[in-house]
Every structure is written in C-alpha cells, then in structure tokens.
PDB file of N, CA and C in Angstrom:
ATOM      1  N   UNK A   1       9.715 -10.681  34.981  1.00  0.00           N
ATOM      2  CA  UNK A   1       9.419 -10.852  33.566  1.00  0.00           C
ATOM      3  C   UNK A   1      10.236 -11.995  32.986  1.00  0.00           C
ATOM      4  N   UNK A   2       9.686 -12.615  32.005  1.00  0.00           N
ATOM      5  CA  UNK A   2      10.321 -13.728  31.326  1.00  0.00           C
ATOM      6  C   UNK A   2      10.933 -13.222  30.017  1.00  0.00           C
ATOM      7  N   UNK A   3      12.246 -13.339  29.827  1.00  0.00           N
ATOM      8  CA  UNK A   3      12.862 -12.864  28.589  1.00  0.00           C
ATOM      9  C   UNK A   3      12.269 -13.513  27.339  1.00  0.00           C
ATOM     10  N   UNK A   4      11.712 -14.703  27.477  1.00  0.00           N
ATOM     11  CA  UNK A   4      11.094 -15.363  26.332  1.00  0.00           C
ATOM     12  C   UNK A   4       9.850 -14.656  25.830  1.00  0.00           C
ATOM     13  N   UNK A   5       9.265 -13.784  26.666  1.00  0.00           N
ATOM     14  CA  UNK A   5       8.071 -13.046  26.268  1.00  0.00           C
ATOM     15  C   UNK A   5       8.387 -11.662  25.706  1.00  0.00           C
ATOM     16  N   UNK A   6       9.661 -11.342  25.596  1.00  0.00           N
ATOM     17  CA  UNK A   6      10.051 -10.021  25.082  1.00  0.00           C
ATOM     18  C   UNK A   6       9.673  -9.903  23.608  1.00  0.00           C
ATOM     19  N   UNK A   7       9.335  -8.697  23.167  1.00  0.00           N
ATOM     20  CA  UNK A   7       9.038  -8.511  21.743  1.00  0.00           C
ATOM     21  C   UNK A   7      10.294  -8.750  20.914  1.00  0.00           C
ATOM     22  N   UNK A   8      10.137  -9.041  19.629  1.00  0.00           N
ATOM     23  CA  UNK A   8      11.319  -9.263  18.794  1.00  0.00           C
ATOM     24  C   UNK A   8      12.197  -8.020  18.758  1.00  0.00           C
ATOM     25  N   UNK A   9      13.469  -8.211  18.548  1.00  0.00           N
ATOM     26  CA  UNK A   9      14.419  -7.106  18.491  1.00  0.00           C
ATOM     27  C   UNK A   9      14.290  -6.417  17.131  1.00  0.00           C
ATOM     28  N   UNK A  10      13.471  -5.383  17.081  1.00  0.00           N
ATOM     29  CA  UNK A  10      13.246  -4.627  15.847  1.00  0.00           C
ATOM     30  C   UNK A  10      13.566  -3.165  16.109  1.00  0.00           C
ATOM     31  N   UNK A  11      13.807  -2.383  15.067  1.00  0.00           N
ATOM     32  CA  UNK A  11      14.083  -0.958  15.273  1.00  0.00           C
ATOM     33  C   UNK A  11      12.934  -0.263  16.000  1.00  0.00           C
ATOM     34  N   UNK A  12      13.239   0.904  16.569  1.00  0.00           N
ATOM     35  CA  UNK A  12      12.224   1.662  17.307  1.00  0.00           C
ATOM     36  C   UNK A  12      11.082   2.129  16.422  1.00  0.00           C
ATOM     37  N   UNK A  13      11.292   2.196  15.138  1.00  0.00           N
ATOM     38  CA  UNK A  13      10.217   2.596  14.229  1.00  0.00           C
ATOM     39  C   UNK A  13      10.243   1.688  13.008  1.00  0.00           C
ATOM     40  N   UNK A  14       9.115   1.634  12.350  1.00  0.00           N
ATOM     41  CA  UNK A  14       8.990   0.799  11.166  1.00  0.00           C
ATOM     42  C   UNK A  14       8.184   1.567  10.143  1.00  0.00           C
ATOM     43  N   UNK A  15       8.658   1.599   8.926  1.00  0.00           N
ATOM     44  CA  UNK A  15       7.951   2.311   7.868  1.00  0.00           C
ATOM     45  C   UNK A  15       7.868   1.414   6.646  1.00  0.00           C
ATOM     46  N   UNK A  16       6.661   1.067   6.269  1.00  0.00           N
ATOM     47  CA  UNK A  16       6.445   0.269   5.065  1.00  0.00           C
ATOM     48  C   UNK A  16       6.717   1.136   3.840  1.00  0.00           C
ATOM     49  N   UNK A  17       7.299   0.547   2.818  1.00  0.00           N
ATOM     50  CA  UNK A  17       7.457   1.271   1.558  1.00  0.00           C
ATOM     51  C   UNK A  17       7.451   0.270   0.406  1.00  0.00           C
ATOM     52  N   UNK A  18       6.944   0.715  -0.736  1.00  0.00           N
ATOM     53  CA  UNK A  18       6.932  -0.167  -1.898  1.00  0.00           C
ATOM     54  C   UNK A  18       8.344  -0.309  -2.467  1.00  0.00           C
ATOM     55  N   UNK A  19       8.570  -1.299  -3.326  1.00  0.00           N
ATOM     56  CA  UNK A  19       9.911  -1.487  -3.875  1.00  0.00           C
ATOM     57  C   UNK A  19      10.334  -0.370  -4.826  1.00  0.00           C
ATOM     58  N   UNK A  20       9.378   0.402  -5.353  1.00  0.00           N
ATOM     59  CA  UNK A  20       9.690   1.501  -6.264  1.00  0.00           C
ATOM     60  C   UNK A  20       8.491   2.437  -6.321  1.00  0.00           C
ATOM     61  N   UNK A  21       8.725   3.656  -6.760  1.00  0.00           N
ATOM     62  CA  UNK A  21       7.641   4.607  -6.996  1.00  0.00           C
ATOM     63  C   UNK A  21       7.186   5.363  -5.765  1.00  0.00           C
ATOM     64  N   UNK A  22       6.128   6.131  -5.959  1.00  0.00           N
ATOM     65  CA  UNK A  22       5.513   6.988  -4.946  1.00  0.00           C
ATOM     66  C   UNK A  22       4.516   6.188  -4.122  1.00  0.00           C
ATOM     67  N   UNK A  23       4.438   6.500  -2.837  1.00  0.00           N
ATOM     68  CA  UNK A  23       3.443   5.882  -1.958  1.00  0.00           C
ATOM     69  C   UNK A  23       2.914   6.927  -0.999  1.00  0.00           C
ATOM     70  N   UNK A  24       1.619   6.884  -0.744  1.00  0.00           N
ATOM     71  CA  UNK A  24       1.037   7.695   0.318  1.00  0.00           C
ATOM     72  C   UNK A  24      -0.272   7.051   0.762  1.00  0.00           C
ATOM     73  N   UNK A  25      -0.835   7.572   1.805  1.00  0.00           N
ATOM     74  CA  UNK A  25      -2.180   7.217   2.259  1.00  0.00           C
ATOM     75  C   UNK A  25      -2.389   5.717   2.486  1.00  0.00           C
ATOM     76  N   UNK A  26      -1.583   5.074   3.353  1.00  0.00           N
ATOM     77  CA  UNK A  26      -1.819   3.658   3.636  1.00  0.00           C
ATOM     78  C   UNK A  26      -3.044   3.502   4.530  1.00  0.00           C
ATOM     79  N   UNK A  27      -4.210   3.375   3.923  1.00  0.00           N
ATOM     80  CA  UNK A  27      -5.432   3.379   4.726  1.00  0.00           C
ATOM     81  C   UNK A  27      -6.311   2.163   4.508  1.00  0.00           C
ATOM     82  N   UNK A  28      -5.894   1.234   3.719  1.00  0.00           N
ATOM     83  CA  UNK A  28      -6.722   0.061   3.485  1.00  0.00           C
ATOM     84  C   UNK A  28      -6.136  -1.158   4.164  1.00  0.00           C
ATOM     85  N   UNK A  29      -6.147  -1.167   5.483  1.00  0.00           N
ATOM     86  CA  UNK A  29      -5.535  -2.263   6.230  1.00  0.00           C
ATOM     87  C   UNK A  29      -6.622  -3.200   6.731  1.00  0.00           C
ATOM     88  N   UNK A  30      -6.411  -4.501   6.571  1.00  0.00           N
ATOM     89  CA  UNK A  30      -7.385  -5.460   7.075  1.00  0.00           C
ATOM     90  C   UNK A  30      -6.827  -6.871   7.027  1.00  0.00           C
ATOM     91  N   UNK A  31      -7.572  -7.789   7.620  1.00  0.00           N
ATOM     92  CA  UNK A  31      -7.189  -9.199   7.606  1.00  0.00           C
ATOM     93  C   UNK A  31      -8.155  -9.946   6.697  1.00  0.00           C
ATOM     94  N   UNK A  32      -7.587 -10.701   5.767  1.00  0.00           N
ATOM     95  CA  UNK A  32      -8.370 -11.512   4.846  1.00  0.00           C
ATOM     96  C   UNK A  32      -7.682 -12.861   4.750  1.00  0.00           C
ATOM     97  N   UNK A  33      -8.437 -13.921   4.831  1.00  0.00           N
ATOM     98  CA  UNK A  33      -7.842 -15.249   4.762  1.00  0.00           C
ATOM     99  C   UNK A  33      -6.844 -15.513   5.871  1.00  0.00           C
ATOM    100  N   UNK A  34      -7.031 -14.854   7.030  1.00  0.00           N
ATOM    101  CA  UNK A  34      -6.160 -15.066   8.176  1.00  0.00           C
ATOM    102  C   UNK A  34      -4.832 -14.329   8.121  1.00  0.00           C
ATOM    103  N   UNK A  35      -4.624 -13.486   7.095  1.00  0.00           N
ATOM    104  CA  UNK A  35      -3.357 -12.754   6.986  1.00  0.00           C
ATOM    105  C   UNK A  35      -3.618 -11.262   6.830  1.00  0.00           C
ATOM    106  N   UNK A  36      -2.710 -10.418   7.343  1.00  0.00           N
ATOM    107  CA  UNK A  36      -2.882  -8.975   7.187  1.00  0.00           C
ATOM    108  C   UNK A  36      -2.562  -8.522   5.758  1.00  0.00           C
ATOM    109  N   UNK A  37      -3.409  -7.636   5.252  1.00  0.00           N
ATOM    110  CA  UNK A  37      -3.227  -7.034   3.933  1.00  0.00           C
ATOM    111  C   UNK A  37      -3.178  -5.527   4.111  1.00  0.00           C
ATOM    112  N   UNK A  38      -2.323  -4.874   3.349  1.00  0.00           N
ATOM    113  CA  UNK A  38      -2.202  -3.426   3.371  1.00  0.00           C
ATOM    114  C   UNK A  38      -2.424  -2.902   1.959  1.00  0.00           C
ATOM    115  N   UNK A  39      -3.309  -1.913   1.834  1.00  0.00           N
ATOM    116  CA  UNK A  39      -3.569  -1.240   0.568  1.00  0.00           C
ATOM    117  C   UNK A  39      -3.181   0.221   0.738  1.00  0.00           C
ATOM    118  N   UNK A  40      -2.646   0.820  -0.289  1.00  0.00           N
ATOM    119  CA  UNK A  40      -2.136   2.190  -0.186  1.00  0.00           C
ATOM    120  C   UNK A  40      -2.148   2.839  -1.565  1.00  0.00           C
ATOM    121  N   UNK A  41      -2.163   4.158  -1.600  1.00  0.00           N
ATOM    122  CA  UNK A  41      -2.085   4.861  -2.867  1.00  0.00           C
ATOM    123  C   UNK A  41      -0.656   4.770  -3.381  1.00  0.00           C
ATOM    124  N   UNK A  42      -0.537   4.500  -4.669  1.00  0.00           N
ATOM    125  CA  UNK A  42       0.776   4.184  -5.230  1.00  0.00           C
ATOM    126  C   UNK A  42       0.850   4.642  -6.682  1.00  0.00           C
ATOM    127  N   UNK A  43       1.969   5.246  -7.034  1.00  0.00           N
ATOM    128  CA  UNK A  43       2.271   5.559  -8.433  1.00  0.00           C
ATOM    129  C   UNK A  43       3.609   4.903  -8.746  1.00  0.00           C
ATOM    130  N   UNK A  44       3.578   3.824  -9.491  1.00  0.00           N
ATOM    131  CA  UNK A  44       4.781   3.017  -9.694  1.00  0.00           C
ATOM    132  C   UNK A  44       5.676   3.518 -10.821  1.00  0.00           C
ATOM    133  N   UNK A  45       5.247   4.548 -11.547  1.00  0.00           N
ATOM    134  CA  UNK A  45       6.012   5.010 -12.706  1.00  0.00           C
ATOM    135  C   UNK A  45       6.903   6.206 -12.410  1.00  0.00           C
ATOM    136  N   UNK A  46       7.002   6.615 -11.159  1.00  0.00           N
ATOM    137  CA  UNK A  46       7.845   7.757 -10.824  1.00  0.00           C
ATOM    138  C   UNK A  46       7.895   7.990  -9.326  1.00  0.00           C
ATOM    139  N   UNK A  47       8.757   8.917  -8.926  1.00  0.00           N
ATOM    140  CA  UNK A  47       8.952   9.189  -7.503  1.00  0.00           C
ATOM    141  C   UNK A  47       8.110  10.349  -6.994  1.00  0.00           C
ATOM    142  N   UNK A  48       7.258  10.908  -7.827  1.00  0.00           N
ATOM    143  CA  UNK A  48       6.399  12.018  -7.416  1.00  0.00           C
ATOM    144  C   UNK A  48       4.936  11.631  -7.578  1.00  0.00           C
ATOM    145  N   UNK A  49       4.090  12.384  -6.893  1.00  0.00           N
ATOM    146  CA  UNK A  49       2.647  12.164  -6.955  1.00  0.00           C
ATOM    147  C   UNK A  49       2.186  12.261  -8.400  1.00  0.00           C
ATOM    148  N   UNK A  50       1.285  11.386  -8.795  1.00  0.00           N
ATOM    149  CA  UNK A  50       0.721  11.406 -10.138  1.00  0.00           C
ATOM    150  C   UNK A  50      -0.579  10.622 -10.095  1.00  0.00           C
ATOM    151  N   UNK A  51      -1.014  10.099 -11.209  1.00  0.00           N
ATOM    152  CA  UNK A  51      -2.262   9.350 -11.288  1.00  0.00           C
ATOM    153  C   UNK A  51      -2.184   8.126 -10.374  1.00  0.00           C
ATOM    154  N   UNK A  52      -2.969   8.151  -9.310  1.00  0.00           N
ATOM    155  CA  UNK A  52      -2.839   7.126  -8.274  1.00  0.00           C
ATOM    156  C   UNK A  52      -3.458   5.791  -8.661  1.00  0.00           C
ATOM    157  N   UNK A  53      -2.772   4.754  -8.226  1.00  0.00           N
ATOM    158  CA  UNK A  53      -3.225   3.368  -8.270  1.00  0.00           C
ATOM    159  C   UNK A  53      -3.341   2.925  -6.810  1.00  0.00           C
ATOM    160  N   UNK A  54      -3.796   1.712  -6.580  1.00  0.00           N
ATOM    161  CA  UNK A  54      -3.771   1.151  -5.226  1.00  0.00           C
ATOM    162  C   UNK A  54      -2.742   0.034  -5.197  1.00  0.00           C
ATOM    163  N   UNK A  55      -1.707   0.218  -4.359  1.00  0.00           N
ATOM    164  CA  UNK A  55      -0.747  -0.846  -4.124  1.00  0.00           C
ATOM    165  C   UNK A  55      -1.311  -1.838  -3.116  1.00  0.00           C
ATOM    166  N   UNK A  56      -0.708  -3.012  -3.056  1.00  0.00           N
ATOM    167  CA  UNK A  56      -1.212  -4.080  -2.192  1.00  0.00           C
ATOM    168  C   UNK A  56      -0.026  -4.895  -1.690  1.00  0.00           C
ATOM    169  N   UNK A  57      -0.028  -5.194  -0.408  1.00  0.00           N
ATOM    170  CA  UNK A  57       1.001  -6.048   0.189  1.00  0.00           C
ATOM    171  C   UNK A  57       0.343  -6.963   1.213  1.00  0.00           C
ATOM    172  N   UNK A  58       0.941  -8.125   1.436  1.00  0.00           N
ATOM    173  CA  UNK A  58       0.412  -9.096   2.390  1.00  0.00           C
ATOM    174  C   UNK A  58       1.560  -9.583   3.279  1.00  0.00           C
ATOM    175  N   UNK A  59       1.238  -9.917   4.529  1.00  0.00           N
ATOM    176  CA  UNK A  59       2.254 -10.332   5.495  1.00  0.00           C
ATOM    177  C   UNK A  59       1.756 -11.531   6.295  1.00  0.00           C
ATOM    178  N   UNK A  60       2.684 -12.187   6.949  1.00  0.00           N
ATOM    179  CA  UNK A  60       2.307 -13.240   7.894  1.00  0.00           C
ATOM    180  C   UNK A  60       2.684 -12.848   9.314  1.00  0.00           C
ATOM    181  N   UNK A  61       3.506 -11.777   9.455  1.00  0.00           N
ATOM    182  CA  UNK A  61       3.979 -11.397  10.786  1.00  0.00           C
ATOM    183  C   UNK A  61       3.952  -9.883  11.055  1.00  0.00           C
ATOM    184  N   UNK A  62       3.395  -9.106  10.167  1.00  0.00           N
ATOM    185  CA  UNK A  62       3.300  -7.640  10.289  1.00  0.00           C
ATOM    186  C   UNK A  62       4.648  -6.929  10.151  1.00  0.00           C
ATOM    187  N   UNK A  63       5.717  -7.641   9.927  1.00  0.00           N
ATOM    188  CA  UNK A  63       7.040  -7.025   9.766  1.00  0.00           C
ATOM    189  C   UNK A  63       7.596  -7.212   8.366  1.00  0.00           C
ATOM    190  N   UNK A  64       7.421  -8.381   7.809  1.00  0.00           N
ATOM    191  CA  UNK A  64       7.902  -8.678   6.463  1.00  0.00           C
ATOM    192  C   UNK A  64       6.694  -8.741   5.539  1.00  0.00           C
ATOM    193  N   UNK A  65       6.737  -7.936   4.486  1.00  0.00           N
ATOM    194  CA  UNK A  65       5.601  -7.800   3.578  1.00  0.00           C
ATOM    195  C   UNK A  65       5.975  -8.274   2.184  1.00  0.00           C
ATOM    196  N   UNK A  66       5.056  -8.984   1.555  1.00  0.00           N
ATOM    197  CA  UNK A  66       5.225  -9.419   0.165  1.00  0.00           C
ATOM    198  C   UNK A  66       4.376  -8.501  -0.704  1.00  0.00           C
ATOM    199  N   UNK A  67       4.999  -7.866  -1.657  1.00  0.00           N
ATOM    200  CA  UNK A  67       4.293  -6.937  -2.533  1.00  0.00           C
ATOM    201  C   UNK A  67       3.505  -7.720  -3.572  1.00  0.00           C
ATOM    202  N   UNK A  68       2.258  -7.350  -3.729  1.00  0.00           N
ATOM    203  CA  UNK A  68       1.356  -8.003  -4.662  1.00  0.00           C
ATOM    204  C   UNK A  68       1.182  -7.106  -5.892  1.00  0.00           C
ATOM    205  N   UNK A  69       0.551  -7.619  -6.954  1.00  0.00           N
ATOM    206  CA  UNK A  69       0.276  -6.766  -8.118  1.00  0.00           C
ATOM    207  C   UNK A  69      -0.621  -5.582  -7.738  1.00  0.00           C
ATOM    208  N   UNK A  70      -0.591  -4.533  -8.547  1.00  0.00           N
ATOM    209  CA  UNK A  70      -1.447  -3.364  -8.332  1.00  0.00           C
ATOM    210  C   UNK A  70      -2.891  -3.834  -8.185  1.00  0.00           C
ATOM    211  N   UNK A  71      -3.582  -3.285  -7.196  1.00  0.00           N
ATOM    212  CA  UNK A  71      -4.936  -3.737  -6.870  1.00  0.00           C
ATOM    213  C   UNK A  71      -6.011  -2.992  -7.659  1.00  0.00           C
ATOM    214  N   UNK A  72      -5.919  -1.667  -7.728  1.00  0.00           N
ATOM    215  CA  UNK A  72      -6.876  -0.858  -8.495  1.00  0.00           C
ATOM    216  C   UNK A  72      -6.117   0.064  -9.438  1.00  0.00           C
ATOM    217  N   UNK A  73      -6.602   0.162 -10.661  1.00  0.00           N
ATOM    218  CA  UNK A  73      -6.037   1.067 -11.657  1.00  0.00           C
ATOM    219  C   UNK A  73      -7.022   2.198 -11.913  1.00  0.00           C
ATOM    220  N   UNK A  74      -6.538   3.392 -12.260  1.00  0.00           N
ATOM    221  CA  UNK A  74      -7.465   4.452 -12.662  1.00  0.00           C
ATOM    222  C   UNK A  74      -8.044   4.118 -14.036  1.00  0.00           C
ATOM    223  N   UNK A  75      -9.244   4.601 -14.284  1.00  0.00           N
ATOM    224  CA  UNK A  75      -9.844   4.357 -15.595  1.00  0.00           C
ATOM    225  C   UNK A  75      -9.110   5.178 -16.651  1.00  0.00           C
ATOM    226  N   UNK A  76      -9.084   4.686 -17.869  1.00  0.00           N
ATOM    227  CA  UNK A  76      -8.339   5.353 -18.938  1.00  0.00           C
ATOM    228  C   UNK A  76      -8.869   6.746 -19.235  1.00  0.00           C
ATOM    229  N   UNK A  77     -10.180   6.958 -19.096  1.00  0.00           N
ATOM    230  CA  UNK A  77     -10.713   8.293 -19.399  1.00  0.00           C
ATOM    231  C   UNK A  77     -10.198   9.335 -18.407  1.00  0.00           C
ATOM    232  N   UNK A  78      -9.861   8.936 -17.187  1.00  0.00           N
ATOM    233  CA  UNK A  78      -9.288   9.883 -16.226  1.00  0.00           C
ATOM    234  C   UNK A  78      -7.820  10.162 -16.527  1.00  0.00           C
ATOM    235  N   UNK A  79      -7.066   9.144 -16.889  1.00  0.00           N
ATOM    236  CA  UNK A  79      -5.640   9.349 -17.140  1.00  0.00           C
ATOM    237  C   UNK A  79      -5.389  10.073 -18.452  1.00  0.00           C
ATOM    238  N   UNK A  80      -6.358  10.080 -19.358  1.00  0.00           N
ATOM    239  CA  UNK A  80      -6.196  10.761 -20.648  1.00  0.00           C
ATOM    240  C   UNK A  80      -6.521  12.248 -20.573  1.00  0.00           C
ATOM    241  N   UNK A  81      -7.004  12.730 -19.438  1.00  0.00           N
ATOM    242  CA  UNK A  81      -7.344  14.152 -19.316  1.00  0.00           C
ATOM    243  C   UNK A  81      -6.107  15.015 -19.531  1.00  0.00           C
ATOM    244  N   UNK A  82      -6.270  16.201 -20.127  1.00  0.00           N
ATOM    245  CA  UNK A  82      -5.114  17.079 -20.366  1.00  0.00           C
ATOM    246  C   UNK A  82      -4.365  17.461 -19.087  1.00  0.00           C
ATOM    247  N   UNK A  83      -5.082  17.612 -17.972  1.00  0.00           N
ATOM    248  CA  UNK A  83      -4.408  18.003 -16.728  1.00  0.00           C
ATOM    249  C   UNK A  83      -3.820  16.808 -15.983  1.00  0.00           C
ATOM    250  N   UNK A  84      -3.977  15.610 -16.546  1.00  0.00           N
ATOM    251  CA  UNK A  84      -3.438  14.372 -15.961  1.00  0.00           C
ATOM    252  C   UNK A  84      -3.949  14.104 -14.550  1.00  0.00           C
ATOM    253  N   UNK A  85      -5.101  14.664 -14.210  1.00  0.00           N
ATOM    254  CA  UNK A  85      -5.688  14.423 -12.890  1.00  0.00           C
ATOM    255  C   UNK A  85      -6.654  13.253 -12.998  1.00  0.00           C
ATOM    256  N   UNK A  86      -6.634  12.435 -12.033  1.00  0.00           N
ATOM    257  CA  UNK A  86      -7.526  11.289 -11.998  1.00  0.00           C
ATOM    258  C   UNK A  86      -6.796  10.115 -11.390  1.00  0.00           C
ATOM    259  N   UNK A  87      -7.535   9.187 -10.878  1.00  0.00           N
ATOM    260  CA  UNK A  87      -6.887   8.026 -10.301  1.00  0.00           C
ATOM    261  C   UNK A  87      -7.817   7.253  -9.403  1.00  0.00           C
ATOM    262  N   UNK A  88      -7.275   6.241  -8.770  1.00  0.00           N
ATOM    263  CA  UNK A  88      -8.009   5.409  -7.822  1.00  0.00           C
ATOM    264  C   UNK A  88      -7.611   5.873  -6.425  1.00  0.00           C
ATOM    265  N   UNK A  89      -8.437   6.715  -5.835  1.00  0.00           N
ATOM    266  CA  UNK A  89      -8.111   7.337  -4.551  1.00  0.00           C
ATOM    267  C   UNK A  89      -8.845   6.653  -3.398  1.00  0.00           C
ATOM    268  N   UNK A  90      -8.577   7.122  -2.192  1.00  0.00           N
ATOM    269  CA  UNK A  90      -9.301   6.634  -1.019  1.00  0.00           C
ATOM    270  C   UNK A  90     -10.790   6.766  -1.299  1.00  0.00           C
ATOM    271  N   UNK A  91     -11.525   5.737  -1.003  1.00  0.00           N
ATOM    272  CA  UNK A  91     -12.956   5.738  -1.283  1.00  0.00           C
ATOM    273  C   UNK A  91     -13.291   5.159  -2.643  1.00  0.00           C
ATOM    274  N   UNK A  92     -12.283   4.757  -3.419  1.00  0.00           N
ATOM    275  CA  UNK A  92     -12.533   4.203  -4.749  1.00  0.00           C
ATOM    276  C   UNK A  92     -13.005   2.753  -4.694  1.00  0.00           C
ATOM    277  N   UNK A  93     -12.827   2.102  -3.576  1.00  0.00           N
ATOM    278  CA  UNK A  93     -13.253   0.711  -3.430  1.00  0.00           C
ATOM    279  C   UNK A  93     -14.298   0.632  -2.331  1.00  0.00           C
ATOM    280  N   UNK A  94     -15.404   0.033  -2.658  1.00  0.00           N
ATOM    281  CA  UNK A  94     -16.483  -0.133  -1.685  1.00  0.00           C
ATOM    282  C   UNK A  94     -16.696  -1.624  -1.502  1.00  0.00           C
ATOM    283  N   UNK A  95     -16.597  -2.125  -0.252  1.00  0.00           N
ATOM    284  CA  UNK A  95     -16.747  -3.569  -0.045  1.00  0.00           C
ATOM    285  C   UNK A  95     -18.148  -4.052  -0.370  1.00  0.00           C
TER     286      UNK A  95
END
C-alpha cells in the first residue's frame, strides 16, 4: 500500500450539527452545482423539538460544512395553531 493513498486522519466517527438549535432527520442529501448539500429538520430558536424548519449546509469535501440560511419555513397558519404543531417536515419539498 502507498501511504499517500491513505484516507485523511479524521476521527472514527463524524456527526454533523448546526451551530445552534435543534436538529434531526438529515435526509435531504444531494449534489447540486458539483457540491454536496445537506438538508435537515431544524428548529433554530431552542434546543428542543418544535415547529420544524429545513436547515441547509454545503461542503466541498464532505468534512467541513458551511451553514446556509434556513431553506424552508413553516407557514404562519401552522405556527399560529394553539397546539403549536406544524412545520416543514420530510416530504415538504417536492423537486
């Protein structure tokens, strides 16, 4: 084996996380414009599950990610409900 072909020295595991707030369900992964993009459910106003938005991040190497502005917002009529249920969930975006 050639040491030059070894993978980069990175930890045994890698976990993406937003700079703040709640994150779950990272299921919108794809390549656009030649770069990987990751979309995930995100609530930026607190550390617990709440009215979901879609977070967005882009990378050039799959290890370092640049956080982009929120991609999808829940509609106001859903967030105004008394039970505070509603949001932009998986399946909210159709290509």
